[in-house]
Amino acid sequence: MTMAPLRDAPSPPSPGAGRSALEQLLERQSVGLLVEPAPDDAALDLILDAGLRAPDHGRLRPWRFVLIRGAERAAWADRLADAARARDPEKGQLLAERYRAWVWRTPLIIALGAEIRRDHKVPEIEQLLSVGAAAMNMLNAIHLLGYGGMWVTGPNSYDPVLTEALGFTAPSRLVGFLAVGTPKAVTRVERPSRAEHVRDWHGPDGRV
């Protein structure tokens, strides 16, 4: 009988390497001032693959991402402008110009979609949370690769016309956009204090 050769067990990461990666992650923050270049194809593949490693109750894989980049931004800017004017005839033109400017100064936009299964035992909120986790994985990857990103929501994220334009039909939903590029300027934001956000639970009386 032929036996397969034993493989060496993978070496655990060194504590120093782990600290280095974690220290980088602790510096992550949203970056709104972005310039070219956007991540190249190899970096973008890593970013998207990180999103596809998000927690996923029931293995529903609800993540759907639409890339808006290059010359296609012109058509998307038109869609945002039309939607703004339809939502608010009085202020729509001003909003339309703002949205156009945002699209053109953003090297890459990733639309975040959730393909919802309402007939499944996994609650809808958990399916949406999985997409949120995927978005955070991608933001972390964007940061670790040396780029900048910001999760953008607002009226455009909940406009049914724009949702349809991106290929999402109800009950699927658009939950926002990742703006991605190279940071032009970063204003450091102090991390929140753990003491303000963390409590220990004490015993059966439920004190915190």
C-alpha atoms as a PDB file:
ATOM      1  CA  MET A   1       0.000   0.000   0.000  1.00  0.00           C
ATOM      2  CA  THR A   2       1.332   3.396  -0.967  1.00  0.00           C
ATOM      3  CA  MET A   3       1.016   6.077   1.616  1.00  0.00           C
ATOM      4  CA  ALA A   4       0.752   9.727   0.781  1.00  0.00           C
ATOM      5  CA  PRO A   5       3.684  11.773   2.044  1.00  0.00           C
ATOM      6  CA  LEU A   6       3.082  13.667   5.220  1.00  0.00           C
ATOM      7  CA  ARG A   7       2.791  17.407   4.806  1.00  0.00           C
ATOM      8  CA  ASP A   8       4.375  19.765   7.237  1.00  0.00           C
ATOM      9  CA  ALA A   9       1.864  21.595   9.387  1.00  0.00           C
ATOM     10  CA  PRO A  10       1.677  25.276   8.502  1.00  0.00           C
ATOM     11  CA  SER A  11       3.770  27.433  10.774  1.00  0.00           C
ATOM     12  CA  PRO A  12       1.800  29.817  12.972  1.00  0.00           C
ATOM     13  CA  PRO A  13       2.369  33.459  12.204  1.00  0.00           C
ATOM     14  CA  SER A  14       5.020  35.081  14.329  1.00  0.00           C
ATOM     15  CA  PRO A  15       3.710  37.390  17.059  1.00  0.00           C
ATOM     16  CA  GLY A  16       5.584  40.278  15.486  1.00  0.00           C
ATOM     17  CA  ALA A  17       3.927  39.775  12.122  1.00  0.00           C
ATOM     18  CA  GLY A  18       0.512  39.548  13.739  1.00  0.00           C
ATOM     19  CA  ARG A  19       1.052  42.757  15.646  1.00  0.00           C
ATOM     20  CA  SER A  20       2.212  44.531  12.498  1.00  0.00           C
ATOM     21  CA  ALA A  21      -0.932  43.574  10.558  1.00  0.00           C
ATOM     22  CA  LEU A  22      -3.179  44.438  13.493  1.00  0.00           C
ATOM     23  CA  GLU A  23      -1.458  47.775  14.018  1.00  0.00           C
ATOM     24  CA  GLN A  24      -2.149  48.588  10.366  1.00  0.00           C
ATOM     25  CA  LEU A  25      -5.778  47.580  10.762  1.00  0.00           C
ATOM     26  CA  LEU A  26      -6.166  49.782  13.831  1.00  0.00           C
ATOM     27  CA  GLU A  27      -5.199  52.751  11.661  1.00  0.00           C
ATOM     28  CA  ARG A  28      -8.085  52.187   9.241  1.00  0.00           C
ATOM     29  CA  GLN A  29     -10.600  54.973   8.856  1.00  0.00           C
ATOM     30  CA  SER A  30     -12.950  56.269   6.198  1.00  0.00           C
ATOM     31  CA  VAL A  31     -11.289  58.412   3.541  1.00  0.00           C
ATOM     32  CA  GLY A  32     -13.448  60.749   1.492  1.00  0.00           C
ATOM     33  CA  LEU A  33     -10.760  62.618  -0.476  1.00  0.00           C
ATOM     34  CA  LEU A  34      -9.725  60.121  -3.134  1.00  0.00           C
ATOM     35  CA  VAL A  35      -7.717  60.391  -6.345  1.00  0.00           C
ATOM     36  CA  GLU A  36      -6.443  58.038  -9.028  1.00  0.00           C
ATOM     37  CA  PRO A  37      -5.280  55.378  -9.187  1.00  0.00           C
ATOM     38  CA  ALA A  38      -7.936  52.913  -8.202  1.00  0.00           C
ATOM     39  CA  PRO A  39      -6.760  49.427  -7.219  1.00  0.00           C
ATOM     40  CA  ASP A  40      -5.408  47.494 -10.193  1.00  0.00           C
ATOM     41  CA  ASP A  41      -7.021  44.217 -11.242  1.00  0.00           C
ATOM     42  CA  ALA A  42      -4.878  42.062  -8.933  1.00  0.00           C
ATOM     43  CA  ALA A  43      -5.572  44.254  -5.907  1.00  0.00           C
ATOM     44  CA  LEU A  44      -9.261  44.467  -6.759  1.00  0.00           C
ATOM     45  CA  ASP A  45      -9.492  40.681  -6.915  1.00  0.00           C
ATOM     46  CA  LEU A  46      -8.050  40.488  -3.392  1.00  0.00           C
ATOM     47  CA  ILE A  47     -10.485  43.121  -2.150  1.00  0.00           C
ATOM     48  CA  LEU A  48     -13.490  41.303  -3.604  1.00  0.00           C
ATOM     49  CA  ASP A  49     -12.257  37.929  -2.365  1.00  0.00           C
ATOM     50  CA  ALA A  50     -11.998  39.401   1.136  1.00  0.00           C
ATOM     51  CA  GLY A  51     -15.649  40.401   0.845  1.00  0.00           C
ATOM     52  CA  LEU A  52     -16.572  36.866  -0.130  1.00  0.00           C
ATOM     53  CA  ARG A  53     -15.106  35.541   3.131  1.00  0.00           C
ATOM     54  CA  ALA A  54     -17.720  37.294   5.268  1.00  0.00           C
ATOM     55  CA  PRO A  55     -19.777  35.353   7.844  1.00  0.00           C
ATOM     56  CA  ASP A  56     -22.767  33.784   6.124  1.00  0.00           C
ATOM     57  CA  HIS A  57     -25.497  32.040   8.130  1.00  0.00           C
ATOM     58  CA  GLY A  58     -27.024  29.263   6.054  1.00  0.00           C
ATOM     59  CA  ARG A  59     -24.437  29.678   3.283  1.00  0.00           C
ATOM     60  CA  LEU A  60     -26.873  31.823   1.352  1.00  0.00           C
ATOM     61  CA  ARG A  61     -24.062  33.931  -0.110  1.00  0.00           C
ATOM     62  CA  PRO A  62     -26.251  37.026  -0.444  1.00  0.00           C
ATOM     63  CA  TRP A  63     -23.382  39.286  -1.552  1.00  0.00           C
ATOM     64  CA  ARG A  64     -23.754  41.029  -4.905  1.00  0.00           C
ATOM     65  CA  PHE A  65     -21.268  43.691  -6.006  1.00  0.00           C
ATOM     66  CA  VAL A  66     -21.454  45.920  -9.077  1.00  0.00           C
ATOM     67  CA  LEU A  67     -18.311  47.771 -10.188  1.00  0.00           C
ATOM     68  CA  ILE A  68     -18.718  51.272 -11.605  1.00  0.00           C
ATOM     69  CA  ARG A  69     -15.440  52.526 -13.060  1.00  0.00           C
ATOM     70  CA  GLY A  70     -13.695  54.120 -15.993  1.00  0.00           C
ATOM     71  CA  ALA A  71     -15.805  55.669 -18.721  1.00  0.00           C
ATOM     72  CA  GLU A  72     -18.948  53.986 -17.352  1.00  0.00           C
ATOM     73  CA  ARG A  73     -18.959  56.574 -14.573  1.00  0.00           C
ATOM     74  CA  ALA A  74     -20.416  59.090 -17.034  1.00  0.00           C
ATOM     75  CA  ALA A  75     -23.579  57.032 -17.486  1.00  0.00           C
ATOM     76  CA  TRP A  76     -23.829  56.418 -13.753  1.00  0.00           C
ATOM     77  CA  ALA A  77     -23.453  60.141 -13.035  1.00  0.00           C
ATOM     78  CA  ASP A  78     -26.367  60.741 -15.412  1.00  0.00           C
ATOM     79  CA  ARG A  79     -28.478  58.167 -13.554  1.00  0.00           C
ATOM     80  CA  LEU A  80     -27.770  59.807 -10.200  1.00  0.00           C
ATOM     81  CA  ALA A  81     -28.574  63.236 -11.598  1.00  0.00           C
ATOM     82  CA  ASP A  82     -31.882  62.054 -13.092  1.00  0.00           C
ATOM     83  CA  ALA A  83     -32.829  60.323  -9.848  1.00  0.00           C
ATOM     84  CA  ALA A  84     -32.044  63.428  -7.779  1.00  0.00           C
ATOM     85  CA  ARG A  85     -34.238  65.636  -9.975  1.00  0.00           C
ATOM     86  CA  ALA A  86     -37.085  63.109  -9.837  1.00  0.00           C
ATOM     87  CA  ARG A  87     -36.932  62.867  -6.037  1.00  0.00           C
ATOM     88  CA  ASP A  88     -36.734  66.603  -5.420  1.00  0.00           C
ATOM     89  CA  PRO A  89     -37.795  68.860  -8.315  1.00  0.00           C
ATOM     90  CA  GLU A  90     -36.989  71.967  -6.251  1.00  0.00           C
ATOM     91  CA  LYS A  91     -33.426  71.137  -5.150  1.00  0.00           C
ATOM     92  CA  GLY A  92     -32.738  68.296  -7.544  1.00  0.00           C
ATOM     93  CA  GLN A  93     -30.505  70.225  -9.925  1.00  0.00           C
ATOM     94  CA  LEU A  94     -28.142  71.275  -7.147  1.00  0.00           C
ATOM     95  CA  LEU A  95     -28.001  67.712  -5.842  1.00  0.00           C
ATOM     96  CA  ALA A  96     -27.513  66.411  -9.379  1.00  0.00           C
ATOM     97  CA  GLU A  97     -24.343  68.486  -9.792  1.00  0.00           C
ATOM     98  CA  ARG A  98     -23.028  67.327  -6.434  1.00  0.00           C
ATOM     99  CA  TYR A  99     -23.588  63.696  -7.353  1.00  0.00           C
ATOM    100  CA  ARG A 100     -21.917  64.175 -10.737  1.00  0.00           C
ATOM    101  CA  ALA A 101     -18.870  65.711  -9.081  1.00  0.00           C
ATOM    102  CA  TRP A 102     -18.695  62.870  -6.561  1.00  0.00           C
ATOM    103  CA  VAL A 103     -18.810  60.196  -9.252  1.00  0.00           C
ATOM    104  CA  TRP A 104     -16.096  61.847 -11.348  1.00  0.00           C
ATOM    105  CA  ARG A 105     -13.694  62.363  -8.458  1.00  0.00           C
ATOM    106  CA  THR A 106     -14.139  58.770  -7.245  1.00  0.00           C
ATOM    107  CA  PRO A 107     -11.851  56.372  -9.130  1.00  0.00           C
ATOM    108  CA  LEU A 108     -13.912  53.253  -8.342  1.00  0.00           C
ATOM    109  CA  ILE A 109     -17.419  52.775  -6.962  1.00  0.00           C
ATOM    110  CA  ILE A 110     -18.554  49.374  -5.706  1.00  0.00           C
ATOM    111  CA  ALA A 111     -22.338  49.082  -5.338  1.00  0.00           C
ATOM    112  CA  LEU A 112     -23.223  46.792  -2.435  1.00  0.00           C
ATOM    113  CA  GLY A 113     -26.214  44.576  -3.064  1.00  0.00           C
ATOM    114  CA  ALA A 114     -28.004  41.978  -0.968  1.00  0.00           C
ATOM    115  CA  GLU A 115     -29.865  39.152  -2.703  1.00  0.00           C
ATOM    116  CA  ILE A 116     -32.527  38.528  -0.098  1.00  0.00           C
ATOM    117  CA  ARG A 117     -34.233  35.152   0.463  1.00  0.00           C
ATOM    118  CA  ARG A 118     -37.470  35.939   2.294  1.00  0.00           C
ATOM    119  CA  ASP A 119     -38.606  32.329   2.062  1.00  0.00           C
ATOM    120  CA  HIS A 120     -35.569  31.097   4.023  1.00  0.00           C
ATOM    121  CA  LYS A 121     -35.336  30.344   7.733  1.00  0.00           C
ATOM    122  CA  VAL A 122     -32.353  32.701   8.017  1.00  0.00           C
ATOM    123  CA  PRO A 123     -33.898  36.088   8.933  1.00  0.00           C
ATOM    124  CA  GLU A 124     -33.586  38.926   6.450  1.00  0.00           C
ATOM    125  CA  ILE A 125     -31.611  41.010   8.957  1.00  0.00           C
ATOM    126  CA  GLU A 126     -28.922  38.316   9.084  1.00  0.00           C
ATOM    127  CA  GLN A 127     -28.677  38.281   5.308  1.00  0.00           C
ATOM    128  CA  LEU A 128     -28.217  42.061   5.324  1.00  0.00           C
ATOM    129  CA  LEU A 129     -25.660  41.845   8.120  1.00  0.00           C
ATOM    130  CA  SER A 130     -23.661  39.394   6.017  1.00  0.00           C
ATOM    131  CA  VAL A 131     -23.433  42.000   3.252  1.00  0.00           C
ATOM    132  CA  GLY A 132     -22.386  44.561   5.856  1.00  0.00           C
ATOM    133  CA  ALA A 133     -19.665  42.197   7.044  1.00  0.00           C
ATOM    134  CA  ALA A 134     -18.514  41.738   3.453  1.00  0.00           C
ATOM    135  CA  ALA A 135     -18.314  45.500   3.029  1.00  0.00           C
ATOM    136  CA  MET A 136     -16.180  45.799   6.160  1.00  0.00           C
ATOM    137  CA  ASN A 137     -13.882  43.018   4.976  1.00  0.00           C
ATOM    138  CA  MET A 138     -13.401  44.915   1.726  1.00  0.00           C
ATOM    139  CA  LEU A 139     -12.740  48.202   3.503  1.00  0.00           C
ATOM    140  CA  ASN A 140     -10.101  46.485   5.625  1.00  0.00           C
ATOM    141  CA  ALA A 141      -8.496  44.960   2.535  1.00  0.00           C
ATOM    142  CA  ILE A 142      -8.573  48.324   0.757  1.00  0.00           C
ATOM    143  CA  HIS A 143      -6.723  49.873   3.684  1.00  0.00           C
ATOM    144  CA  LEU A 144      -4.156  47.089   4.033  1.00  0.00           C
ATOM    145  CA  LEU A 145      -3.351  47.341   0.323  1.00  0.00           C
ATOM    146  CA  GLY A 146      -2.545  51.025   0.700  1.00  0.00           C
ATOM    147  CA  TYR A 147      -5.726  52.494  -0.777  1.00  0.00           C
ATOM    148  CA  GLY A 148      -8.558  54.460   0.803  1.00  0.00           C
ATOM    149  CA  GLY A 149     -12.261  53.809   0.999  1.00  0.00           C
ATOM    150  CA  MET A 150     -15.545  55.040   2.388  1.00  0.00           C
ATOM    151  CA  TRP A 151     -18.974  53.431   2.723  1.00  0.00           C
ATOM    152  CA  VAL A 152     -21.515  55.890   1.294  1.00  0.00           C
ATOM    153  CA  THR A 153     -25.281  55.655   1.808  1.00  0.00           C
ATOM    154  CA  GLY A 154     -28.004  58.293   1.586  1.00  0.00           C
ATOM    155  CA  PRO A 155     -31.029  58.646  -0.738  1.00  0.00           C
ATOM    156  CA  ASN A 156     -29.279  57.024  -3.706  1.00  0.00           C
ATOM    157  CA  SER A 157     -28.918  53.791  -1.735  1.00  0.00           C
ATOM    158  CA  TYR A 158     -32.682  53.484  -1.255  1.00  0.00           C
ATOM    159  CA  ASP A 159     -33.952  54.755  -4.596  1.00  0.00           C
ATOM    160  CA  PRO A 160     -35.859  51.936  -6.366  1.00  0.00           C
ATOM    161  CA  VAL A 161     -34.995  53.348  -9.795  1.00  0.00           C
ATOM    162  CA  LEU A 162     -31.272  53.174  -9.068  1.00  0.00           C
ATOM    163  CA  THR A 163     -31.647  49.766  -7.469  1.00  0.00           C
ATOM    164  CA  GLU A 164     -33.251  48.475 -10.673  1.00  0.00           C
ATOM    165  CA  ALA A 165     -30.552  50.146 -12.789  1.00  0.00           C
ATOM    166  CA  LEU A 166     -27.935  48.061 -10.958  1.00  0.00           C
ATOM    167  CA  GLY A 167     -29.832  44.843 -11.570  1.00  0.00           C
ATOM    168  CA  PHE A 168     -31.376  44.357  -8.141  1.00  0.00           C
ATOM    169  CA  THR A 169     -35.067  43.527  -8.133  1.00  0.00           C
ATOM    170  CA  ALA A 170     -37.157  43.266  -4.976  1.00  0.00           C
ATOM    171  CA  PRO A 171     -36.726  41.730  -2.495  1.00  0.00           C
ATOM    172  CA  SER A 172     -33.026  42.208  -3.290  1.00  0.00           C
ATOM    173  CA  ARG A 173     -31.683  45.497  -2.030  1.00  0.00           C
ATOM    174  CA  LEU A 174     -28.977  48.055  -2.566  1.00  0.00           C
ATOM    175  CA  VAL A 175     -27.338  48.881   0.766  1.00  0.00           C
ATOM    176  CA  GLY A 176     -24.788  51.498  -0.237  1.00  0.00           C
ATOM    177  CA  PHE A 177     -21.611  52.141  -2.171  1.00  0.00           C
ATOM    178  CA  LEU A 178     -17.908  51.816  -1.463  1.00  0.00           C
ATOM    179  CA  ALA A 179     -15.919  54.753  -2.810  1.00  0.00           C
ATOM    180  CA  VAL A 180     -12.385  53.508  -3.500  1.00  0.00           C
ATOM    181  CA  GLY A 181      -9.167  55.149  -4.632  1.00  0.00           C
ATOM    182  CA  THR A 182      -5.854  56.519  -3.441  1.00  0.00           C
ATOM    183  CA  PRO A 183      -6.059  58.840  -0.421  1.00  0.00           C
ATOM    184  CA  LYS A 184      -5.414  62.456  -1.345  1.00  0.00           C
ATOM    185  CA  ALA A 185      -5.387  63.607   2.255  1.00  0.00           C
ATOM    186  CA  VAL A 186      -6.159  61.885   5.532  1.00  0.00           C
ATOM    187  CA  THR A 187      -7.233  63.707   8.664  1.00  0.00           C
ATOM    188  CA  ARG A 188      -6.533  61.322  11.488  1.00  0.00           C
ATOM    189  CA  VAL A 189      -9.520  60.572  13.685  1.00  0.00           C
ATOM    190  CA  GLU A 190      -8.895  59.426  17.232  1.00  0.00           C
ATOM    191  CA  ARG A 191     -10.229  55.968  17.977  1.00  0.00           C
ATOM    192  CA  PRO A 192     -13.161  55.854  20.424  1.00  0.00           C
ATOM    193  CA  SER A 193     -12.396  54.985  24.020  1.00  0.00           C
ATOM    194  CA  ARG A 194     -13.062  51.350  24.872  1.00  0.00           C
ATOM    195  CA  ALA A 195     -14.439  52.469  28.233  1.00  0.00           C
ATOM    196  CA  GLU A 196     -17.316  54.220  26.491  1.00  0.00           C
ATOM    197  CA  HIS A 197     -18.376  51.200  24.449  1.00  0.00           C
ATOM    198  CA  VAL A 198     -17.510  48.039  26.402  1.00  0.00           C
ATOM    199  CA  ARG A 199     -19.054  46.602  29.565  1.00  0.00           C
ATOM    200  CA  ASP A 200     -18.710  43.311  31.436  1.00  0.00           C
ATOM    201  CA  TRP A 201     -21.864  41.351  32.217  1.00  0.00           C
ATOM    202  CA  HIS A 202     -21.969  40.294  35.871  1.00  0.00           C
ATOM    203  CA  GLY A 203     -23.844  37.225  36.916  1.00  0.00           C
ATOM    204  CA  PRO A 204     -27.471  36.067  36.850  1.00  0.00           C
ATOM    205  CA  ASP A 205     -28.886  39.438  37.850  1.00  0.00           C
ATOM    206  CA  GLY A 206     -27.694  40.780  34.511  1.00  0.00           C
ATOM    207  CA  ARG A 207     -25.830  43.772  35.907  1.00  0.00           C
ATOM    208  CA  VAL A 208     -23.485  45.631  33.575  1.00  0.00           C
END
